[in-house]
Every structure is written in C-alpha cells, then in structure tokens.
Amino acid sequence: MREVIQRTGRIPEEAAGKRFDQALAELFPDFSRSRLTGWIREGQATLDGRAVKPRQTVRGGEAVAIAAELAEDSRVAAQPIELDVVHRDEDILVINKPPGLVVHPAAGNPDGTLQNALLHLDPSLAALPRAGIVHRLDKDTSGLMVVARTLEAHTALVRQLQERRMGREYDTVVKGLVIAGGSVDAPVGRHPTRRTRMAVTGDGKPALSEYRVREKFRAHTRLRVKLASGRTHQIRVHMAHIHHPVVGDPAYGGRPVFPPGAGEDLRRVLEGFRRQALHAERLTLEHPASGETRHFQVPCPEDMTALIEALRRDAREHG
C-alpha cells in the first residue's frame, strides 16, 4: 500500500510576495523544496484549493493543502540479502555494511546491492528515494550507514548532511609514518583523465578531512579520520594526496609497503589485503523524530582486525 502524505496550513502573512514553492518549503520544512515543487507541478499541493505553478506569488493568508501519494520505484527488486541491523525504529535504520556490498544498483552492479536488501527488509522503503539511503559507502568500505524509513526522516537526515551536523568517523590504516594529527582541506573532483577516479583538483568541490593518530607501526599508521564533508572517495583521495595512501586501496594505494625485515606472516597479510582498509566506525546524528543526539559504533570486520594484529606483532618483534 502506497503512503499518502496529507498536510494543511496557511501561508504566513510575512511570506507575502514570495513564490509559492518557497513559501511552502518554509511552511513544511520536513520536506525538501524540490519534492514540494514536484507536488505543486503535479497538482498535489494546492493554493486556496487551486492548482497553480511553483512560481505563483502568494499574498499571505491563503489555505494550502498537500495530498500526495508517494510513488514506488519498481525498477529495483527486493532481494533476500542478510543485513547487520545495528538499530531499528519507526523512523530510521542503522546498518553495519560489510565490505564487498555495493550500496545501490549502477552500471556493472544491476542487483545484489544494499538497496535490494533494504527493499526486502522493509518493502515500504520503495516509496522513498533510493529506498531511504541518504549517504553511501564505497563497495569495499565497511561500516555504519543510516537509512530513513519515512519521507520526513529522509529530508531531515539529508539536511543534517548538507549542514555538516552528522558526525562520521572512520578507522583506517595508511602507508608510512604519520607524525601527528592534522587535516586535509583540498577540493575533490573528477580526475581529469581517469574518469572512474577522483582527485584533488582546482575545480573540485570543497572537502575537509580531519585525522588523528590512533596507533603507530613500523611502516604504517592507524588513523581516525573525521569527515567534515562527504565527497566521493574523499578519505582515499585525501590520504593519497598527503602521500599516506590507504592500505590495500586498488585505485589510489599502489603496491604494498613492507617494513625492513618483515616476516612472511606480515608480507602475506599485506599482499592479501585487496580492499581499502577503511571502516566507518562511528556515526552521530540527531534523531529526525525526537531530536535526540544518537551515537553508534561498530568494530572493524575480521579482515581489517587481522591486518592490524599482524602490524602489531611485527612492531613488537622489531621493537
């Protein structure tokens, strides 16, 4: 059964002279302006009982009504893929995504994605953009993701991301010895010649990553990285930019680095680690219904834990 959104109200007198879509967005901030504009165009958001255009000027005091049916996206099929659900309530899901799981269908990955799994877990998510997914992780990055279960929650969570009020902290292992914490404030955009990759470019979007040293090994460093923005491949690109690429990164990491006299155990682990050693460990958000600040944390998956333990053993043996 499709969800129907119904709201009524009046245009505030102080909104006189504004466009209808602008005034409606101020009246109903739980919905994005683009979605409200779509409802106006479809006649599902009316002004004094009449269908008007989004740019219609309001005078203040008019009655407004929304009666909108959320259309389901039938292009993505539900699939029974097991998910690690960290938290579930009426408004949000928090998922611990395993490495290797693509977030949503795209070229080369038509199904078998997190979006397919979410639609099986909760069929009502078909009425939300991308089944409620508000942010993404790369295929081989593991860790926490929040998923909206209502349109209001989706709008609120997207707004938190845009306003940089959602906290996301990552556990990662990089090549080389990082002396102290710092930040990388460098714009990230599409690579000028390798279009499947990102790069620090002058015409890229602003991007800020803050990092702290968590653990030092002989030729590697474990970091905690906090995102102040969320560009594609941001941490991977930023770490490579400061010459400390993420271990195992197939796009930006290069060949494995071995400390002097490394034993066969460590060599085997480093050579066999074929994904970026990057895990979304902590997530902080304002619950879209209660406004309460919620904190979530999950440990590294087994492969990354084994990598860290091998680096620790090597450091002890050569300490």
Protein backbone atom coordinates (compact mmCIF):
# COMPACT_ATOMS: atom_id res chain seq x y z
CA MET A 1 0.00 0.00 0.00
CA ARG A 2 1.39 3.37 -1.01
CA GLU A 3 1.98 6.04 1.61
CA VAL A 4 -0.16 9.16 1.28
CA ILE A 5 1.16 12.47 2.63
CA GLN A 6 -1.57 14.86 3.81
CA ARG A 7 -0.89 18.31 5.25
CA THR A 8 -2.87 21.54 5.56
CA GLY A 9 -1.94 25.04 6.63
CA ARG A 10 -1.99 28.72 5.76
CA ILE A 11 0.62 30.91 4.11
CA PRO A 12 2.00 33.26 6.82
CA GLU A 13 1.30 36.94 6.27
CA GLU A 14 5.04 37.66 6.38
CA ALA A 15 5.52 35.39 3.34
CA ALA A 16 3.56 37.81 1.12
CA GLY A 17 5.34 38.39 -2.18
CA LYS A 18 7.25 35.11 -2.17
CA ARG A 19 6.95 32.28 -4.68
CA PHE A 20 4.53 29.50 -3.73
CA ASP A 21 7.24 26.83 -3.72
CA GLN A 22 9.45 28.97 -1.47
CA ALA A 23 6.64 29.74 0.96
CA LEU A 24 5.56 26.09 1.03
CA ALA A 25 9.13 24.96 1.83
CA GLU A 26 9.15 27.38 4.78
CA LEU A 27 5.74 26.16 5.95
CA PHE A 28 6.64 22.46 5.70
CA PRO A 29 10.41 22.18 6.37
CA ASP A 30 10.11 18.39 6.84
CA PHE A 31 10.03 18.06 3.04
CA SER A 32 12.66 19.16 0.57
CA ARG A 33 11.88 22.10 -1.67
CA SER A 34 12.46 20.01 -4.79
CA ARG A 35 9.88 17.44 -3.67
CA LEU A 36 7.35 20.16 -2.75
CA THR A 37 7.91 21.78 -6.15
CA GLY A 38 7.17 18.43 -7.80
CA TRP A 39 3.93 18.10 -5.86
CA ILE A 40 2.91 21.63 -6.89
CA ARG A 41 3.53 20.81 -10.56
CA GLU A 42 1.50 17.59 -10.22
CA GLY A 43 -1.41 19.44 -8.60
CA GLN A 44 -0.89 17.58 -5.32
CA ALA A 45 -0.09 20.79 -3.42
CA THR A 46 -2.76 23.45 -3.89
CA LEU A 47 -3.22 27.12 -3.03
CA ASP A 48 -6.75 28.09 -1.93
CA GLY A 49 -7.95 24.83 -3.48
CA ARG A 50 -6.42 25.58 -6.89
CA ALA A 51 -3.52 24.01 -8.72
CA VAL A 52 -1.01 26.75 -9.51
CA LYS A 53 2.55 26.97 -10.75
CA PRO A 54 5.52 26.86 -8.35
CA ARG A 55 6.42 30.47 -9.20
CA GLN A 56 2.93 31.77 -8.33
CA THR A 57 3.28 34.78 -5.99
CA VAL A 58 1.47 34.42 -2.67
CA ARG A 59 -0.20 37.28 -0.81
CA GLY A 60 -0.32 35.68 2.66
CA GLY A 61 -3.23 34.01 4.40
CA GLU A 62 -4.10 31.54 1.63
CA ALA A 63 -5.07 27.99 2.56
CA VAL A 64 -2.64 25.33 1.38
CA ALA A 65 -3.21 21.59 1.17
CA ILE A 66 -0.96 18.69 0.30
CA ALA A 67 -2.42 15.34 -0.69
CA ALA A 68 0.45 13.46 -2.30
CA GLU A 69 0.85 9.77 -2.96
CA LEU A 70 4.44 8.55 -2.79
CA ALA A 71 5.13 6.63 -5.98
CA GLU A 72 7.01 3.37 -5.53
CA ASP A 73 10.16 2.74 -7.52
CA SER A 74 9.63 -0.64 -9.17
CA ARG A 75 12.92 -0.58 -11.05
CA VAL A 76 14.87 -2.06 -8.13
CA ALA A 77 13.78 -5.52 -6.96
CA ALA A 78 13.74 -6.74 -3.38
CA GLN A 79 16.32 -9.46 -2.71
CA PRO A 80 16.84 -11.59 0.44
CA ILE A 81 20.33 -10.40 1.34
CA GLU A 82 21.28 -10.62 5.00
CA LEU A 83 21.97 -7.31 6.72
CA ASP A 84 23.54 -6.45 10.07
CA VAL A 85 20.95 -4.07 11.56
CA VAL A 86 22.51 -2.12 14.43
CA HIS A 87 19.40 -0.07 15.23
CA ARG A 88 15.81 -0.02 14.06
CA ASP A 89 12.83 2.19 14.93
CA GLU A 90 9.87 3.69 13.07
CA ASP A 91 11.97 6.47 11.51
CA ILE A 92 15.47 5.11 10.82
CA LEU A 93 17.58 2.04 10.30
CA VAL A 94 21.30 1.94 11.10
CA ILE A 95 23.18 -0.69 9.11
CA ASN A 96 26.69 -2.10 9.52
CA LYS A 97 27.59 -2.60 5.86
CA PRO A 98 30.09 -5.39 5.15
CA PRO A 99 32.95 -4.90 2.70
CA GLY A 100 32.09 -6.01 -0.82
CA LEU A 101 28.45 -4.87 -0.76
CA VAL A 102 27.56 -2.19 -3.32
CA VAL A 103 25.16 0.44 -1.94
CA HIS A 104 22.80 0.85 -4.89
CA PRO A 105 22.43 -0.51 -8.44
CA ALA A 106 24.60 1.07 -11.13
CA ALA A 107 26.44 0.06 -14.28
CA GLY A 108 28.12 -3.28 -13.62
CA ASN A 109 26.06 -3.91 -10.46
CA PRO A 110 22.40 -4.23 -11.51
CA ASP A 111 21.37 -6.08 -8.34
CA GLY A 112 22.73 -7.72 -5.20
CA THR A 113 23.10 -4.30 -3.55
CA LEU A 114 22.22 -2.77 -0.21
CA GLN A 115 19.21 -1.11 -1.84
CA ASN A 116 17.90 -4.51 -2.99
CA ALA A 117 18.42 -5.87 0.53
CA LEU A 118 16.63 -2.92 2.17
CA LEU A 119 13.57 -3.39 -0.04
CA HIS A 120 13.34 -7.00 1.14
CA LEU A 121 13.80 -5.97 4.77
CA ASP A 122 11.14 -3.24 4.52
CA PRO A 123 9.05 -3.13 1.30
CA SER A 124 7.61 0.30 2.24
CA LEU A 125 11.04 1.82 1.52
CA ALA A 126 10.16 1.57 -2.18
CA ALA A 127 8.29 4.88 -1.77
CA LEU A 128 11.45 6.73 -0.70
CA PRO A 129 14.36 7.95 -2.84
CA ARG A 130 16.84 5.08 -3.18
CA ALA A 131 14.96 3.11 -0.52
CA GLY A 132 15.79 5.71 2.14
CA ILE A 133 19.57 5.71 1.60
CA VAL A 134 20.86 9.20 2.41
CA HIS A 135 24.62 8.67 2.14
CA ARG A 136 26.85 5.98 0.72
CA LEU A 137 29.99 4.00 1.36
CA ASP A 138 32.26 2.64 -1.36
CA LYS A 139 31.77 -1.03 -2.20
CA ASP A 140 34.82 -2.18 -0.24
CA THR A 141 34.46 0.24 2.67
CA SER A 142 32.71 -1.29 5.66
CA GLY A 143 30.74 0.26 8.50
CA LEU A 144 27.82 2.38 9.58
CA MET A 145 25.12 3.86 7.37
CA VAL A 146 21.81 5.44 8.35
CA VAL A 147 18.68 4.79 6.28
CA ALA A 148 15.46 6.82 6.52
CA ARG A 149 12.14 5.00 6.84
CA THR A 150 9.87 8.00 6.26
CA LEU A 151 9.98 10.92 3.88
CA GLU A 152 10.21 13.36 6.81
CA ALA A 153 13.18 11.44 8.24
CA HIS A 154 14.84 11.37 4.82
CA THR A 155 14.54 15.15 4.45
CA ALA A 156 15.85 15.75 7.98
CA LEU A 157 18.84 13.44 7.55
CA VAL A 158 19.77 14.91 4.18
CA ARG A 159 19.63 18.36 5.74
CA GLN A 160 21.95 17.21 8.55
CA LEU A 161 24.45 16.02 5.97
CA GLN A 162 24.22 19.23 3.99
CA GLU A 163 24.69 21.33 7.13
CA ARG A 164 27.55 19.09 8.34
CA ARG A 165 25.73 18.19 11.55
CA MET A 166 26.07 14.42 11.09
CA GLY A 167 29.29 13.07 12.57
CA ARG A 168 31.11 10.30 10.68
CA GLU A 169 34.40 8.89 11.92
CA TYR A 170 36.47 6.26 10.16
CA ASP A 171 39.13 3.79 11.25
CA THR A 172 41.85 3.37 8.63
CA VAL A 173 45.40 2.10 8.16
CA VAL A 174 47.66 4.11 5.87
CA LYS A 175 51.13 3.69 4.48
CA GLY A 176 54.05 5.50 6.09
CA LEU A 177 54.55 7.06 9.50
CA VAL A 178 52.18 9.93 10.25
CA ILE A 179 53.91 12.05 12.88
CA ALA A 180 50.88 13.86 14.28
CA GLY A 181 47.24 14.59 13.58
CA GLY A 182 46.14 17.25 11.16
CA SER A 183 43.65 17.99 8.42
CA VAL A 184 43.42 17.97 4.65
CA ASP A 185 41.43 20.87 3.23
CA ALA A 186 41.54 20.27 -0.52
CA PRO A 187 38.77 20.24 -3.16
CA VAL A 188 37.85 16.85 -4.61
CA GLY A 189 36.52 16.39 -8.14
CA ARG A 190 36.57 14.00 -11.06
CA HIS A 191 40.07 13.03 -12.23
CA PRO A 192 40.85 15.00 -15.42
CA THR A 193 41.86 11.93 -17.45
CA ARG A 194 40.85 8.82 -15.46
CA ARG A 195 37.11 9.35 -15.24
CA THR A 196 36.41 6.46 -12.84
CA ARG A 197 38.63 8.10 -10.23
CA MET A 198 38.54 11.25 -8.15
CA ALA A 199 41.39 13.66 -7.46
CA VAL A 200 42.32 16.87 -5.71
CA THR A 201 41.51 19.43 -8.39
CA GLY A 202 41.17 23.19 -8.52
CA ASP A 203 37.61 22.97 -9.82
CA GLY A 204 36.52 20.28 -7.36
CA LYS A 205 34.03 20.66 -4.50
CA PRO A 206 35.31 21.79 -1.08
CA ALA A 207 36.36 18.86 1.07
CA LEU A 208 37.78 18.68 4.58
CA SER A 209 39.10 15.58 6.37
CA GLU A 210 40.47 15.77 9.92
CA TYR A 211 42.71 12.96 11.15
CA ARG A 212 44.27 11.83 14.42
CA VAL A 213 46.97 9.24 15.01
CA ARG A 214 45.49 6.22 16.72
CA GLU A 215 48.35 3.72 16.55
CA LYS A 216 51.83 3.68 15.01
CA PHE A 217 53.55 0.67 13.47
CA ARG A 218 56.95 0.38 11.79
CA ALA A 219 55.92 1.49 8.31
CA HIS A 220 52.20 2.13 8.70
CA THR A 221 49.88 4.26 10.83
CA ARG A 222 46.38 3.66 12.08
CA LEU A 223 44.28 6.82 11.94
CA ARG A 224 40.88 8.04 13.00
CA VAL A 225 39.50 10.29 10.27
CA LYS A 226 36.53 12.59 10.72
CA LEU A 227 34.64 13.85 7.69
CA ALA A 228 33.53 17.46 7.61
CA SER A 229 32.21 16.88 4.08
CA GLY A 230 31.28 13.81 2.11
CA ARG A 231 32.78 13.75 -1.37
CA THR A 232 33.18 10.56 -3.38
CA HIS A 233 36.36 8.70 -2.32
CA GLN A 234 37.22 11.68 -0.10
CA ILE A 235 39.35 9.94 2.56
CA ARG A 236 41.10 7.77 -0.01
CA VAL A 237 41.93 10.77 -2.21
CA HIS A 238 42.99 13.00 0.69
CA MET A 239 45.27 10.39 2.24
CA ALA A 240 46.94 9.72 -1.10
CA HIS A 241 47.27 13.48 -1.59
CA ILE A 242 49.42 13.77 1.56
CA HIS A 243 51.44 10.70 0.50
CA HIS A 244 49.88 8.35 3.03
CA PRO A 245 47.50 6.27 0.89
CA VAL A 246 45.13 3.81 2.49
CA VAL A 247 46.50 0.26 2.69
CA GLY A 248 45.04 -2.04 0.05
CA ASP A 249 43.38 0.76 -1.93
CA PRO A 250 43.20 -0.57 -5.51
CA ALA A 251 42.75 2.89 -7.06
CA TYR A 252 44.97 5.20 -5.00
CA GLY A 253 47.17 2.94 -2.85
CA GLY A 254 49.84 1.50 -5.12
CA ARG A 255 51.90 -1.54 -4.17
CA PRO A 256 52.19 -2.91 -0.62
CA VAL A 257 54.88 -1.40 1.61
CA PHE A 258 56.89 -3.75 3.84
CA PRO A 259 58.91 -2.62 6.85
CA PRO A 260 62.59 -3.69 6.87
CA GLY A 261 62.95 -7.37 7.74
CA ALA A 262 59.20 -8.03 7.60
CA GLY A 263 58.35 -11.67 8.23
CA GLU A 264 56.36 -13.93 5.95
CA ASP A 265 53.24 -13.54 8.09
CA LEU A 266 53.06 -9.77 7.63
CA ARG A 267 54.01 -10.00 3.97
CA ARG A 268 51.23 -12.48 3.36
CA VAL A 269 48.66 -10.32 5.16
CA LEU A 270 49.67 -7.11 3.35
CA GLU A 271 49.80 -8.76 -0.07
CA GLY A 272 46.46 -10.46 0.52
CA PHE A 273 44.61 -7.34 1.67
CA ARG A 274 42.93 -6.36 -1.59
CA ARG A 275 40.48 -3.68 -0.45
CA GLN A 276 40.93 -0.27 1.13
CA ALA A 277 41.50 -0.61 4.89
CA LEU A 278 38.70 1.82 5.67
CA HIS A 279 35.86 1.30 8.13
CA ALA A 280 33.06 3.71 9.10
CA GLU A 281 33.37 3.12 12.82
CA ARG A 282 31.29 5.87 14.44
CA LEU A 283 28.10 7.68 13.47
CA THR A 284 26.49 10.57 15.35
CA LEU A 285 23.17 12.09 14.32
CA GLU A 286 20.11 13.93 15.56
CA HIS A 287 17.18 11.55 15.56
CA PRO A 288 14.79 13.01 12.95
CA ALA A 289 11.71 12.49 15.14
CA SER A 290 12.88 13.14 18.71
CA GLY A 291 15.81 15.48 18.04
CA GLU A 292 17.86 13.38 20.46
CA THR A 293 21.57 13.02 19.66
CA ARG A 294 22.31 9.36 18.98
CA HIS A 295 25.74 7.71 18.86
CA PHE A 296 26.51 4.41 17.14
CA GLN A 297 29.77 2.46 16.97
CA VAL A 298 30.78 -0.89 15.45
CA PRO A 299 34.14 -2.72 15.48
CA CYS A 300 36.24 -3.43 12.41
CA PRO A 301 35.41 -6.50 10.34
CA GLU A 302 37.62 -9.57 10.68
CA ASP A 303 39.93 -8.89 7.75
CA MET A 304 40.87 -5.41 8.96
CA THR A 305 41.28 -6.66 12.54
CA ALA A 306 43.68 -9.33 11.25
CA LEU A 307 45.65 -6.67 9.36
CA ILE A 308 46.02 -4.52 12.49
CA GLU A 309 47.05 -7.51 14.61
CA ALA A 310 49.72 -8.52 12.07
CA LEU A 311 51.15 -4.98 12.10
CA ARG A 312 51.17 -5.03 15.92
CA ARG A 313 53.02 -8.35 16.04
CA ASP A 314 55.61 -7.06 13.61
CA ALA A 315 56.12 -3.91 15.71
CA ARG A 316 56.57 -5.96 18.89
CA GLU A 317 59.02 -8.37 17.25
CA HIS A 318 61.18 -5.50 15.99
CA GLY A 319 60.68 -3.16 18.91
